[in-house]
Amino acid sequence: MASRPEIRLALRRSLMKGRIEPMFGVEDVADLNKDLTRFLLQEKVLARLEHQWPSVLVNRVDDDCDCDCDATWSERSVPIDLPLKTDLVSSSSSTVKEVIRDTFWEAQNAGLPVWTVPFPTARRGFFEGLADMIYNRSRWITIKSTSASAPATPKVTVTSSPANQQAKWSKGHFFSISTVFGRTKHEQNVPAGIYCFWLSKDTPTPLFPLYDIQQDTPVPL
């Protein structure tokens, strides 16, 4: 199985062609290419405005750190997937800034550890997260190939305290602040990957943990 450094190198080469190509057995990358397209569009808009990127601070997954980075570095800023569409690229600066501002306050009011960060930090968080996702999917393919009892997709069971709260979830490289997972206690099969699960709260959370979903996993919130 490929290491993280090998995947990061392959990803950089792939991105030179303007897309994420299948690699190391990971054939289904359509969703990652959609994320890449949205990220690059939003980056273009924010760069035009010279505006920093609202991002969520998460705890990075390094359960078997074979990476060439500092093993003590365990946090990263994940850029928020902003509600900016193609028609907003040429919109007035005030309109776009209002969308960005509203997104920031919505995230903050939900208790997310949200900050505005410069482009290099947002890019690093996004592409490091992409590499982690591909690495995770590559590991999952290895698990399925060596275990006859491995399910088609792992199951996540989210429980909340207090009970019956609405749980949300996001990929670990491009943070969604509105995607609902289900009302807890909730079970759902998901593609193997790096995810964050969360509940809206009145008080800020220092950072969010990333879950490396390789098997059936309980997630207490």
C-alpha atoms as a PDB file:
ATOM      1  CA  MET A   1       0.000   0.000   0.000  1.00  0.00           C
ATOM      2  CA  ALA A   2       1.188   3.513  -0.814  1.00  0.00           C
ATOM      3  CA  SER A   3       2.502   5.790   1.930  1.00  0.00           C
ATOM      4  CA  ARG A   4       1.266   9.325   2.543  1.00  0.00           C
ATOM      5  CA  PRO A   5       4.394  10.901   0.953  1.00  0.00           C
ATOM      6  CA  GLU A   6       3.851   8.784  -2.181  1.00  0.00           C
ATOM      7  CA  ILE A   7       0.207   9.832  -2.356  1.00  0.00           C
ATOM      8  CA  ARG A   8       1.033  13.512  -1.855  1.00  0.00           C
ATOM      9  CA  LEU A   9       3.589  13.342  -4.664  1.00  0.00           C
ATOM     10  CA  ALA A  10       1.132  11.570  -6.993  1.00  0.00           C
ATOM     11  CA  LEU A  11      -1.541  14.111  -6.092  1.00  0.00           C
ATOM     12  CA  ARG A  12       0.753  17.045  -6.926  1.00  0.00           C
ATOM     13  CA  ARG A  13       1.570  15.486 -10.313  1.00  0.00           C
ATOM     14  CA  SER A  14      -2.101  14.843 -10.973  1.00  0.00           C
ATOM     15  CA  LEU A  15      -3.073  18.409 -10.114  1.00  0.00           C
ATOM     16  CA  MET A  16      -0.660  19.708 -12.749  1.00  0.00           C
ATOM     17  CA  LYS A  17      -3.216  18.333 -15.235  1.00  0.00           C
ATOM     18  CA  GLY A  18      -5.979  20.260 -13.533  1.00  0.00           C
ATOM     19  CA  ARG A  19      -7.746  17.282 -11.991  1.00  0.00           C
ATOM     20  CA  ILE A  20      -7.405  14.445  -9.513  1.00  0.00           C
ATOM     21  CA  GLU A  21      -6.703  11.191 -11.317  1.00  0.00           C
ATOM     22  CA  PRO A  22      -7.346   7.656 -10.028  1.00  0.00           C
ATOM     23  CA  MET A  23      -4.329   6.415  -8.098  1.00  0.00           C
ATOM     24  CA  PHE A  24      -3.223   3.507  -5.922  1.00  0.00           C
ATOM     25  CA  GLY A  25      -6.428   1.560  -6.553  1.00  0.00           C
ATOM     26  CA  VAL A  26      -8.705   4.507  -5.756  1.00  0.00           C
ATOM     27  CA  GLU A  27     -10.756   4.686  -8.951  1.00  0.00           C
ATOM     28  CA  ASP A  28     -13.768   6.710  -7.806  1.00  0.00           C
ATOM     29  CA  VAL A  29     -12.534  10.274  -7.431  1.00  0.00           C
ATOM     30  CA  ALA A  30     -15.507  12.087  -8.990  1.00  0.00           C
ATOM     31  CA  ASP A  31     -16.580  13.606  -5.671  1.00  0.00           C
ATOM     32  CA  LEU A  32     -13.030  14.806  -4.960  1.00  0.00           C
ATOM     33  CA  ASN A  33     -12.850  16.490  -8.362  1.00  0.00           C
ATOM     34  CA  LYS A  34     -16.131  18.268  -7.612  1.00  0.00           C
ATOM     35  CA  ASP A  35     -14.585  19.491  -4.352  1.00  0.00           C
ATOM     36  CA  LEU A  36     -11.481  20.633  -6.226  1.00  0.00           C
ATOM     37  CA  THR A  37     -13.552  22.578  -8.770  1.00  0.00           C
ATOM     38  CA  ARG A  38     -15.490  24.367  -6.025  1.00  0.00           C
ATOM     39  CA  PHE A  39     -12.330  25.078  -4.032  1.00  0.00           C
ATOM     40  CA  LEU A  40     -10.518  26.635  -7.011  1.00  0.00           C
ATOM     41  CA  LEU A  41     -13.558  28.743  -7.910  1.00  0.00           C
ATOM     42  CA  GLN A  42     -13.889  30.051  -4.374  1.00  0.00           C
ATOM     43  CA  GLU A  43     -10.151  30.677  -4.144  1.00  0.00           C
ATOM     44  CA  LYS A  44     -10.376  32.776  -7.305  1.00  0.00           C
ATOM     45  CA  VAL A  45     -13.206  34.854  -5.843  1.00  0.00           C
ATOM     46  CA  LEU A  46     -11.501  35.387  -2.473  1.00  0.00           C
ATOM     47  CA  ALA A  47      -8.193  36.260  -4.159  1.00  0.00           C
ATOM     48  CA  ARG A  48      -9.954  38.928  -6.252  1.00  0.00           C
ATOM     49  CA  LEU A  49     -11.333  40.432  -3.063  1.00  0.00           C
ATOM     50  CA  GLU A  50      -8.043  39.974  -1.159  1.00  0.00           C
ATOM     51  CA  HIS A  51     -10.166  38.286   1.494  1.00  0.00           C
ATOM     52  CA  GLN A  52      -8.965  35.622   3.933  1.00  0.00           C
ATOM     53  CA  TRP A  53     -10.723  32.252   4.065  1.00  0.00           C
ATOM     54  CA  PRO A  54     -13.108  31.295   6.909  1.00  0.00           C
ATOM     55  CA  SER A  55     -11.809  27.938   8.123  1.00  0.00           C
ATOM     56  CA  VAL A  56     -12.496  25.403  10.861  1.00  0.00           C
ATOM     57  CA  LEU A  57      -9.704  24.173  13.119  1.00  0.00           C
ATOM     58  CA  VAL A  58      -9.626  20.370  13.241  1.00  0.00           C
ATOM     59  CA  ASN A  59      -7.453  17.730  14.837  1.00  0.00           C
ATOM     60  CA  ARG A  60      -5.568  15.971  12.087  1.00  0.00           C
ATOM     61  CA  VAL A  61      -5.650  12.190  11.700  1.00  0.00           C
ATOM     62  CA  ASP A  62      -2.142  10.729  11.981  1.00  0.00           C
ATOM     63  CA  ASP A  63      -2.821   7.319  13.441  1.00  0.00           C
ATOM     64  CA  ASP A  64       0.179   5.734  11.723  1.00  0.00           C
ATOM     65  CA  CYS A  65       2.250   8.755  10.855  1.00  0.00           C
ATOM     66  CA  ASP A  66       4.577   7.757   8.024  1.00  0.00           C
ATOM     67  CA  CYS A  67       4.541  11.278   6.662  1.00  0.00           C
ATOM     68  CA  ASP A  68       7.511  13.532   6.050  1.00  0.00           C
ATOM     69  CA  CYS A  69       6.018  16.348   8.111  1.00  0.00           C
ATOM     70  CA  ASP A  70       6.536  17.137  11.762  1.00  0.00           C
ATOM     71  CA  ALA A  71       4.772  14.336  13.636  1.00  0.00           C
ATOM     72  CA  THR A  72       3.932  16.731  16.458  1.00  0.00           C
ATOM     73  CA  TRP A  73       1.822  18.891  14.136  1.00  0.00           C
ATOM     74  CA  SER A  74      -1.686  17.593  14.829  1.00  0.00           C
ATOM     75  CA  GLU A  75      -3.972  20.443  13.769  1.00  0.00           C
ATOM     76  CA  ARG A  76      -4.928  22.023  10.492  1.00  0.00           C
ATOM     77  CA  SER A  77      -7.340  24.647   9.234  1.00  0.00           C
ATOM     78  CA  VAL A  78      -9.980  23.256   6.868  1.00  0.00           C
ATOM     79  CA  PRO A  79     -11.448  25.895   4.543  1.00  0.00           C
ATOM     80  CA  ILE A  80     -15.233  26.190   4.691  1.00  0.00           C
ATOM     81  CA  ASP A  81     -17.053  25.264   1.487  1.00  0.00           C
ATOM     82  CA  LEU A  82     -18.612  28.668   0.910  1.00  0.00           C
ATOM     83  CA  PRO A  83     -21.985  29.096  -0.840  1.00  0.00           C
ATOM     84  CA  LEU A  84     -20.304  30.810  -3.805  1.00  0.00           C
ATOM     85  CA  LYS A  85     -21.447  29.677  -7.238  1.00  0.00           C
ATOM     86  CA  THR A  86     -20.261  30.567 -10.721  1.00  0.00           C
ATOM     87  CA  ASP A  87     -22.737  33.434 -10.996  1.00  0.00           C
ATOM     88  CA  LEU A  88     -21.090  35.135  -8.013  1.00  0.00           C
ATOM     89  CA  VAL A  89     -17.624  35.265  -9.591  1.00  0.00           C
ATOM     90  CA  SER A  90     -18.451  38.531 -11.330  1.00  0.00           C
ATOM     91  CA  SER A  91     -20.813  39.818  -8.628  1.00  0.00           C
ATOM     92  CA  SER A  92     -20.087  43.009  -6.760  1.00  0.00           C
ATOM     93  CA  SER A  93     -17.528  42.838  -3.988  1.00  0.00           C
ATOM     94  CA  SER A  94     -20.092  43.866  -1.407  1.00  0.00           C
ATOM     95  CA  THR A  95     -22.444  41.003  -2.352  1.00  0.00           C
ATOM     96  CA  VAL A  96     -19.721  38.364  -2.137  1.00  0.00           C
ATOM     97  CA  LYS A  97     -18.287  39.766   1.092  1.00  0.00           C
ATOM     98  CA  GLU A  98     -21.744  39.626   2.630  1.00  0.00           C
ATOM     99  CA  VAL A  99     -22.032  35.916   1.720  1.00  0.00           C
ATOM    100  CA  ILE A 100     -18.618  35.237   3.265  1.00  0.00           C
ATOM    101  CA  ARG A 101     -19.444  37.259   6.371  1.00  0.00           C
ATOM    102  CA  ASP A 102     -22.783  35.474   6.834  1.00  0.00           C
ATOM    103  CA  THR A 103     -21.071  32.091   6.516  1.00  0.00           C
ATOM    104  CA  PHE A 104     -18.468  33.032   9.115  1.00  0.00           C
ATOM    105  CA  TRP A 105     -21.081  34.157  11.651  1.00  0.00           C
ATOM    106  CA  GLU A 106     -23.288  31.128  10.986  1.00  0.00           C
ATOM    107  CA  ALA A 107     -20.316  28.866  11.741  1.00  0.00           C
ATOM    108  CA  GLN A 108     -19.307  30.831  14.813  1.00  0.00           C
ATOM    109  CA  ASN A 109     -22.853  30.926  16.195  1.00  0.00           C
ATOM    110  CA  ALA A 110     -23.003  27.128  15.861  1.00  0.00           C
ATOM    111  CA  GLY A 111     -19.985  26.820  18.151  1.00  0.00           C
ATOM    112  CA  LEU A 112     -17.484  25.888  15.432  1.00  0.00           C
ATOM    113  CA  PRO A 113     -13.801  26.746  15.983  1.00  0.00           C
ATOM    114  CA  VAL A 114     -13.780  29.096  12.989  1.00  0.00           C
ATOM    115  CA  TRP A 115     -11.033  31.535  12.016  1.00  0.00           C
ATOM    116  CA  THR A 116     -10.091  33.483   8.925  1.00  0.00           C
ATOM    117  CA  VAL A 117      -6.778  32.301   7.513  1.00  0.00           C
ATOM    118  CA  PRO A 118      -4.538  33.374   4.590  1.00  0.00           C
ATOM    119  CA  PHE A 119      -4.635  31.474   1.294  1.00  0.00           C
ATOM    120  CA  PRO A 120      -1.460  29.407   1.872  1.00  0.00           C
ATOM    121  CA  THR A 121      -2.930  28.064   5.121  1.00  0.00           C
ATOM    122  CA  ALA A 122      -6.296  27.285   3.509  1.00  0.00           C
ATOM    123  CA  ARG A 123      -4.625  25.601   0.533  1.00  0.00           C
ATOM    124  CA  ARG A 124      -2.426  23.518   2.787  1.00  0.00           C
ATOM    125  CA  GLY A 125      -5.423  22.382   4.819  1.00  0.00           C
ATOM    126  CA  PHE A 126      -7.397  21.493   1.689  1.00  0.00           C
ATOM    127  CA  PHE A 127      -4.679  19.560  -0.143  1.00  0.00           C
ATOM    128  CA  GLU A 128      -3.323  17.837   2.976  1.00  0.00           C
ATOM    129  CA  GLY A 129      -6.910  16.736   3.593  1.00  0.00           C
ATOM    130  CA  LEU A 130      -7.276  15.451   0.031  1.00  0.00           C
ATOM    131  CA  ALA A 131      -4.113  13.385   0.439  1.00  0.00           C
ATOM    132  CA  ASP A 132      -5.441  11.955   3.713  1.00  0.00           C
ATOM    133  CA  MET A 133      -8.736  11.041   2.025  1.00  0.00           C
ATOM    134  CA  ILE A 134      -7.003   9.215  -0.831  1.00  0.00           C
ATOM    135  CA  TYR A 135      -4.692   7.474   1.633  1.00  0.00           C
ATOM    136  CA  ASN A 136      -7.712   6.399   3.673  1.00  0.00           C
ATOM    137  CA  ARG A 137      -9.551   5.059   0.629  1.00  0.00           C
ATOM    138  CA  SER A 138      -6.437   3.188  -0.477  1.00  0.00           C
ATOM    139  CA  ARG A 139      -6.235   1.535   2.955  1.00  0.00           C
ATOM    140  CA  TRP A 140      -9.918   0.611   2.757  1.00  0.00           C
ATOM    141  CA  ILE A 141      -9.380  -1.102  -0.592  1.00  0.00           C
ATOM    142  CA  THR A 142      -6.582  -3.146   1.011  1.00  0.00           C
ATOM    143  CA  ILE A 143      -8.860  -4.110   3.907  1.00  0.00           C
ATOM    144  CA  LYS A 144     -11.628  -5.255   1.565  1.00  0.00           C
ATOM    145  CA  SER A 145      -9.230  -7.271  -0.570  1.00  0.00           C
ATOM    146  CA  THR A 146      -7.859  -9.190   2.423  1.00  0.00           C
ATOM    147  CA  SER A 147     -11.053  -9.668   4.443  1.00  0.00           C
ATOM    148  CA  ALA A 148     -13.959 -11.665   3.101  1.00  0.00           C
ATOM    149  CA  SER A 149     -16.157 -10.354   5.922  1.00  0.00           C
ATOM    150  CA  ALA A 150     -15.508  -6.651   5.283  1.00  0.00           C
ATOM    151  CA  PRO A 151     -18.775  -4.764   4.585  1.00  0.00           C
ATOM    152  CA  ALA A 152     -19.279  -2.856   1.337  1.00  0.00           C
ATOM    153  CA  THR A 153     -19.036   0.368   3.335  1.00  0.00           C
ATOM    154  CA  PRO A 154     -18.415   0.942   7.061  1.00  0.00           C
ATOM    155  CA  LYS A 155     -21.254   1.980   9.366  1.00  0.00           C
ATOM    156  CA  VAL A 156     -21.123   5.058  11.579  1.00  0.00           C
ATOM    157  CA  THR A 157     -23.320   5.243  14.674  1.00  0.00           C
ATOM    158  CA  VAL A 158     -23.686   8.758  16.056  1.00  0.00           C
ATOM    159  CA  THR A 159     -25.125   9.353  19.533  1.00  0.00           C
ATOM    160  CA  SER A 160     -25.611  12.702  21.199  1.00  0.00           C
ATOM    161  CA  SER A 161     -25.769  14.075  24.709  1.00  0.00           C
ATOM    162  CA  PRO A 162     -28.356  15.350  25.305  1.00  0.00           C
ATOM    163  CA  ALA A 163     -30.254  12.865  23.165  1.00  0.00           C
ATOM    164  CA  ASN A 164     -32.134  13.476  19.932  1.00  0.00           C
ATOM    165  CA  GLN A 165     -29.966  16.281  18.571  1.00  0.00           C
ATOM    166  CA  GLN A 166     -29.422  16.930  14.884  1.00  0.00           C
ATOM    167  CA  ALA A 167     -25.942  15.716  13.937  1.00  0.00           C
ATOM    168  CA  LYS A 168     -24.089  17.230  11.002  1.00  0.00           C
ATOM    169  CA  TRP A 169     -21.056  15.956   9.154  1.00  0.00           C
ATOM    170  CA  SER A 170     -18.363  17.086   6.781  1.00  0.00           C
ATOM    171  CA  LYS A 171     -15.443  15.755   4.791  1.00  0.00           C
ATOM    172  CA  GLY A 172     -12.118  16.437   6.451  1.00  0.00           C
ATOM    173  CA  HIS A 173     -10.684  18.593   3.664  1.00  0.00           C
ATOM    174  CA  PHE A 174     -13.536  20.984   2.767  1.00  0.00           C
ATOM    175  CA  PHE A 175     -15.823  21.836   5.655  1.00  0.00           C
ATOM    176  CA  SER A 176     -19.588  21.884   5.173  1.00  0.00           C
ATOM    177  CA  ILE A 177     -21.499  23.716   7.891  1.00  0.00           C
ATOM    178  CA  SER A 178     -24.961  22.550   6.814  1.00  0.00           C
ATOM    179  CA  THR A 179     -24.865  18.875   5.746  1.00  0.00           C
ATOM    180  CA  VAL A 180     -27.132  16.872   8.063  1.00  0.00           C
ATOM    181  CA  PHE A 181     -26.093  13.346   9.030  1.00  0.00           C
ATOM    182  CA  GLY A 182     -29.252  12.461  10.962  1.00  0.00           C
ATOM    183  CA  ARG A 183     -31.059  12.844  14.254  1.00  0.00           C
ATOM    184  CA  THR A 184     -29.275  10.817  16.895  1.00  0.00           C
ATOM    185  CA  LYS A 185     -29.141   8.030  17.755  1.00  0.00           C
ATOM    186  CA  HIS A 186     -28.498   7.506  14.053  1.00  0.00           C
ATOM    187  CA  GLU A 187     -26.762   4.753  12.068  1.00  0.00           C
ATOM    188  CA  GLN A 188     -25.630   5.174   8.481  1.00  0.00           C
ATOM    189  CA  ASN A 189     -23.252   3.448   6.104  1.00  0.00           C
ATOM    190  CA  VAL A 190     -20.741   5.853   4.584  1.00  0.00           C
ATOM    191  CA  PRO A 191     -17.881   5.502   2.095  1.00  0.00           C
ATOM    192  CA  ALA A 192     -14.548   5.035   3.834  1.00  0.00           C
ATOM    193  CA  GLY A 193     -12.995   8.430   4.405  1.00  0.00           C
ATOM    194  CA  ILE A 194     -11.958  11.227   6.741  1.00  0.00           C
ATOM    195  CA  TYR A 195     -14.946  12.954   8.317  1.00  0.00           C
ATOM    196  CA  CYS A 196     -15.957  15.361  11.050  1.00  0.00           C
ATOM    197  CA  PHE A 197     -19.232  14.895  12.965  1.00  0.00           C
ATOM    198  CA  TRP A 198     -20.663  17.694  15.083  1.00  0.00           C
ATOM    199  CA  LEU A 199     -23.580  19.236  16.939  1.00  0.00           C
ATOM    200  CA  SER A 200     -24.448  22.924  16.958  1.00  0.00           C
ATOM    201  CA  LYS A 201     -23.632  24.388  20.382  1.00  0.00           C
ATOM    202  CA  ASP A 202     -23.913  27.711  22.139  1.00  0.00           C
ATOM    203  CA  THR A 203     -20.311  27.676  23.323  1.00  0.00           C
ATOM    204  CA  PRO A 204     -17.221  27.558  21.093  1.00  0.00           C
ATOM    205  CA  THR A 205     -15.361  24.276  20.659  1.00  0.00           C
ATOM    206  CA  PRO A 206     -11.525  24.511  20.738  1.00  0.00           C
ATOM    207  CA  LEU A 207     -11.141  22.178  17.744  1.00  0.00           C
ATOM    208  CA  PHE A 208     -12.964  19.312  16.054  1.00  0.00           C
ATOM    209  CA  PRO A 209     -11.647  15.743  15.852  1.00  0.00           C
ATOM    210  CA  LEU A 210     -11.415  14.056  12.481  1.00  0.00           C
ATOM    211  CA  TYR A 211     -12.650  10.475  12.312  1.00  0.00           C
ATOM    212  CA  ASP A 212     -10.745   8.000  10.150  1.00  0.00           C
ATOM    213  CA  ILE A 213     -13.622   5.736   9.081  1.00  0.00           C
ATOM    214  CA  GLN A 214     -12.184   2.350   8.110  1.00  0.00           C
ATOM    215  CA  GLN A 215     -14.616   0.113   9.966  1.00  0.00           C
ATOM    216  CA  ASP A 216     -17.901   0.279  11.853  1.00  0.00           C
ATOM    217  CA  THR A 217     -17.362   3.250  14.166  1.00  0.00           C
ATOM    218  CA  PRO A 218     -19.297   4.723  17.129  1.00  0.00           C
ATOM    219  CA  VAL A 219     -19.194   8.519  17.295  1.00  0.00           C
ATOM    220  CA  PRO A 220     -20.347  10.000  20.630  1.00  0.00           C
ATOM    221  CA  LEU A 221     -21.109  13.720  20.410  1.00  0.00           C
END
